[in-house]
Amino acid sequence: MKAHQSVEPTLEQRRIIYQARRGLKELDFYLDPYVKELYLAAEPKEQATFAQLLTYEDPDLLDYFTNQARPDDEAVWQLVEQIKSWRHGKAL
């Protein structure tokens, strides 16, 4: 019987996980569960898009997640939409 081995995050992945802690309750609602449940298993392209998403200022991210504004970067917008759909589909 094999012992279950979890993948150890790289230094870059650890940095991204740390950056995802925003301190705004509304953003943490979306970002914390994504980081804990999906980020490490995501494709490298999605991880890179998430890292790009984290370069935006909190007020801008809040606007994106509340549909008040849309980023110019289409990949970032698609990821925001994906995270929102996933998060709202989970039992709260």
Protein backbone atom coordinates (compact mmCIF):
# COMPACT_ATOMS: atom_id res chain seq x y z
CA MET A 1 0.00 0.00 0.00
CA LYS A 2 1.48 3.32 -1.08
CA ALA A 3 1.49 6.28 1.25
CA HIS A 4 -0.32 9.30 -0.16
CA GLN A 5 2.21 11.94 -1.14
CA SER A 6 1.13 15.52 -1.58
CA VAL A 7 2.94 17.73 -4.02
CA GLU A 8 5.25 20.19 -2.29
CA PRO A 9 4.74 23.72 -3.67
CA THR A 10 7.69 25.35 -5.40
CA LEU A 11 9.09 28.59 -4.01
CA GLU A 12 7.24 30.52 -6.72
CA GLN A 13 3.98 28.75 -5.85
CA ARG A 14 4.51 29.54 -2.17
CA ARG A 15 5.05 33.21 -3.05
CA ILE A 16 1.79 33.26 -5.05
CA ILE A 17 -0.11 31.53 -2.25
CA TYR A 18 1.18 34.13 0.20
CA GLN A 19 0.26 36.98 -2.17
CA ALA A 20 -3.29 35.65 -2.45
CA ARG A 21 -3.91 36.64 1.18
CA ARG A 22 -5.48 40.02 0.62
CA GLY A 23 -7.16 40.86 3.91
CA LEU A 24 -10.36 42.02 2.23
CA LYS A 25 -13.17 39.69 3.29
CA GLU A 26 -14.86 39.98 -0.10
CA LEU A 27 -11.69 38.97 -1.98
CA ASP A 28 -10.73 36.27 0.50
CA PHE A 29 -14.15 34.68 -0.12
CA TYR A 30 -12.94 33.89 -3.65
CA LEU A 31 -9.16 33.68 -3.43
CA ASP A 32 -8.63 31.61 -0.26
CA PRO A 33 -10.69 28.58 -1.36
CA TYR A 34 -9.22 28.74 -4.87
CA VAL A 35 -5.67 28.69 -3.51
CA LYS A 36 -6.44 25.92 -1.01
CA GLU A 37 -8.37 23.65 -3.38
CA LEU A 38 -7.46 24.36 -7.01
CA TYR A 39 -4.29 26.42 -7.47
CA LEU A 40 -1.62 23.73 -7.00
CA ALA A 41 -3.49 21.30 -9.26
CA ALA A 42 -4.08 23.89 -11.99
CA GLU A 43 -2.25 23.86 -15.30
CA PRO A 44 0.89 26.05 -15.43
CA LYS A 45 -0.89 28.50 -17.75
CA GLU A 46 -3.72 28.96 -15.23
CA GLN A 47 -1.19 29.36 -12.41
CA ALA A 48 0.56 32.07 -14.43
CA THR A 49 -2.76 33.83 -15.07
CA PHE A 50 -3.54 33.68 -11.34
CA ALA A 51 -0.14 35.24 -10.60
CA GLN A 52 -1.00 38.00 -13.10
CA LEU A 53 -4.40 38.48 -11.42
CA LEU A 54 -2.64 39.05 -8.09
CA THR A 55 -0.69 41.99 -9.56
CA TYR A 56 -3.91 44.03 -9.66
CA GLU A 57 -4.77 46.35 -6.78
CA ASP A 58 -7.42 45.16 -4.31
CA PRO A 59 -10.03 47.79 -5.34
CA ASP A 60 -9.69 46.68 -8.97
CA LEU A 61 -9.99 43.00 -8.04
CA LEU A 62 -13.06 43.78 -5.97
CA ASP A 63 -14.61 45.51 -8.97
CA TYR A 64 -13.87 42.47 -11.17
CA PHE A 65 -15.34 39.97 -8.72
CA THR A 66 -18.46 42.13 -8.22
CA ASN A 67 -18.93 42.81 -11.94
CA GLN A 68 -18.33 46.56 -11.54
CA ALA A 69 -15.43 46.51 -14.00
CA ARG A 70 -13.54 44.18 -16.30
CA PRO A 71 -9.75 43.84 -16.71
CA ASP A 72 -8.23 44.44 -20.13
CA ASP A 73 -6.48 41.06 -19.96
CA GLU A 74 -8.98 38.52 -21.31
CA ALA A 75 -7.24 35.57 -19.63
CA VAL A 76 -7.48 37.28 -16.24
CA TRP A 77 -11.16 38.01 -16.83
CA GLN A 78 -11.85 34.39 -17.77
CA LEU A 79 -10.10 33.21 -14.61
CA VAL A 80 -12.12 35.65 -12.48
CA GLU A 81 -15.30 34.30 -14.06
CA GLN A 82 -14.13 30.71 -13.55
CA ILE A 83 -13.34 31.32 -9.88
CA LYS A 84 -16.69 33.08 -9.32
CA SER A 85 -18.65 30.27 -10.97
CA TRP A 86 -16.75 27.60 -9.04
CA ARG A 87 -17.08 29.44 -5.73
CA HIS A 88 -20.79 30.16 -6.11
CA GLY A 89 -21.36 26.56 -7.12
CA LYS A 90 -19.92 25.30 -3.83
CA ALA A 91 -22.10 24.80 -0.79
CA LEU A 92 -21.69 27.85 1.39
